[in-house]
Amino acid sequence: MMVGCIISTGSLGQIGRNPNLESWFVLSTEHDVPFHKDVEYTVVHRDPLSEPTLRYMASWIESCNDEHDCYNGAQASLPSRLLDVRNLDHIILCDSVDLQNRGGDIRYVTLSHCWGSSRDFLTTRQSLPRMKKGFALSEVIPRTFSDAMLATHKLGIPYLWIDSLCIIQYDVADWAVEASRMASVYSNSYVTIAAASSDGDEKGFLQPRPFQYATVKFTSPTGESAIAYLGRKEKSPDHSNGPDDPLFRRAWVFQEQYLSQRTLIFSREQVYFFCQGIGSHLHAENKTQESHAYLNKNFGKIRFSWNSVTRELSTRLLTYDTDKLPSIAGVASTLSTTRESTLPITSEGTLSTTSEGAQRQYCAGIWRDDLPIGFLFHRVGEAKSPSGYLAPSWSWAALNGPVSWLVDECRADRWSREVLLPLDSVQVADCNMMLKDARNPYGQVDEGSSLTIRARFAELEPCLADTVDTSDLSKIPRWQLEPQEEWSPYPMMMEISGSSKTNTPQEIMGSPYKVSPGRLETIAWCKFDMPGQGVDKVIALVAACRSHIPVLTVERPKSEDWEGLVGILVTPVGGESGSNGHRRIGVFEIRAERGTAGQILESFHSHTAVLY
């Protein structure tokens, strides 16, 4: 039985000037009335912490407790400090060791929030005694913090963790310890509260929601009576992906989404619930299609490959560029448990992966066993100059902007599907990370971090941009990397041994190449990491082959029958051509007629290089 009430409002006055806007009346009920499941909508009350809304949130959590193992109730470790919010007139910052010794209910909530500009209420070495002495909710504290304390208290959970209050700010040692434990902080919490609607701690997230309902007494066909609500529902097709709350633009929040086993999301219009139970479970305060679109948009994409994790992170905002690796350290730490090896950290605080057991380990945002495919990425759109050293040049974390991986851009058509396969000629000999803090091998790294690799190399021919002043060639580098947004062709000429198969110029996918006795000329399609910089030498390091796997027996059109060699562009460190130290400056692909890629590869010279 479906109970509903929809009344057209086309003749009931002005509904808005947008001709695409639709409006109608809908019948809503509380979630716990007898015939609630037969009604399409659930009422959204004005107060986000109204008694009906609190009961709704409690029912979501209770269902998760009964059906999933998102929370097992027996944390192996607690955060170092927690806020005791059982008495809102006397909120205390407690040492977790004392709580564990005391026993009892040690459930805690984690807060996911945007800091904004508020820095007046923090735990520092100076304010720590006051925080442990206690304060009242009525004191002047950031609105988001007071909202989180109130919500945690009303949910009946005794403790709350807020990063800026439970980690000692401006204390490098304490921050390093707590950052390395971030994975357990969020994954062991009873639930995470996401202050999704707030772009700063001074704003809060418990603002009143629109409440435009008329109360009516409703009797179902079976004789059951309850209070129902009749209200106007407005929907714009442009909102099909859900609202764009400011919280989900932040990089640190992605990690908090990923690590939290379940989350209560306080959006502008209603409360949502997400849990990581089998298959993942999505709930919304108002049971609408738009609600589930919102959850899928912000939470449904966080359990894919490592490439998708880092690609998503690269699009998000950071206050400090140097937080890029720390902001994903908790996710990396969690995933490392599935890679079945330990991190070999030396006594000097470096991370060396020369040992056999380290083949599956972490190198500045890339897993060792993903190399060389792992460094075949390129920028998407404009790249911004970082404020300082972020990561080695061959890591995606060195770029300050969105990135994409070539392996994820392999296409499929009706004839075949593309695959990107690492070449046997590429051997990673060592990955040496200079860690900022040896206690956090997934965090920030220092200059000098390097990758030692043996591969095949060839030099590209220079191509000066039209905007370069050529009046005095001695004052400009041989290469001026053009500010191209897309892939650009550059000539590559290599000496080859033996007789050639043909002297006839060929053209495959717009990439001409010519083989003549002792010489091969071809085109490398290049995309540079930071256009506009000048370098004296550009060298192509070939790392992988793009091949096609047939899916049909029909013959593939000749214009589509090609294969490619893919790799990174490097330049000698300091411009010293005799040095084996290089840094990455871009990515390239050579497209060749099927069967000729091997001949092109043989013209590359085998060499060992250290990439910084």
Foldseek 3Di string as FASTA:
>chain_A
DADKDWDACPPVDDPDDDPQKGKIKIKADQCPAPCRVRGQKHAFFQWCLPPSNLVVVLVVLVVCVVPFPLAVQDAPDEQQWWWFLLDQAWIAIDGVVVVVVVDDAPAEEEEQEAAPPDDPDFAAPVCNVVRRRTHHLPDDDFQQVSLVSVSCNSNVHGIYDYPRHRFHPPPVVSCVQRLLCVLSHQSNHSEYEYLQQDNHSNPHQRHTADHAWDWDWDADPVGRIDIMTMGMDMDGPVLQQHDRTNSLQALLVLQSLLRHQKYWYRHRHFIKIWGPGVVIDIGTSINDSSRVSPCCNRRVQNPDDLQSNLLSSQRHDDPALQCSQSSCLSVQVVCVVVQPADFDADPQLKTKQQDPRQCQDDFLSFGNVCPPQQLQKAAAPAWDQHPDQRHFQSHPSRTNHGMHGPQVVWQADQWWTKGKFWDPQKDWRMFMFADPGSSRPRHTTDPPGKTKMKFFKFWFQEDEDPPDDVPPVVPAASHQFAPDNFWDKTKGKFFAADADPDQDWDAAPNKIKGDGHRMIMTIKTKDWRHHGDGARTKMWTWTIKMATDTPDPDDDPQNPAKIKTKTFIWAAVVNDPVALEIGTTTIIMTIGHPPCVVRVRNRTHIDIHMGD
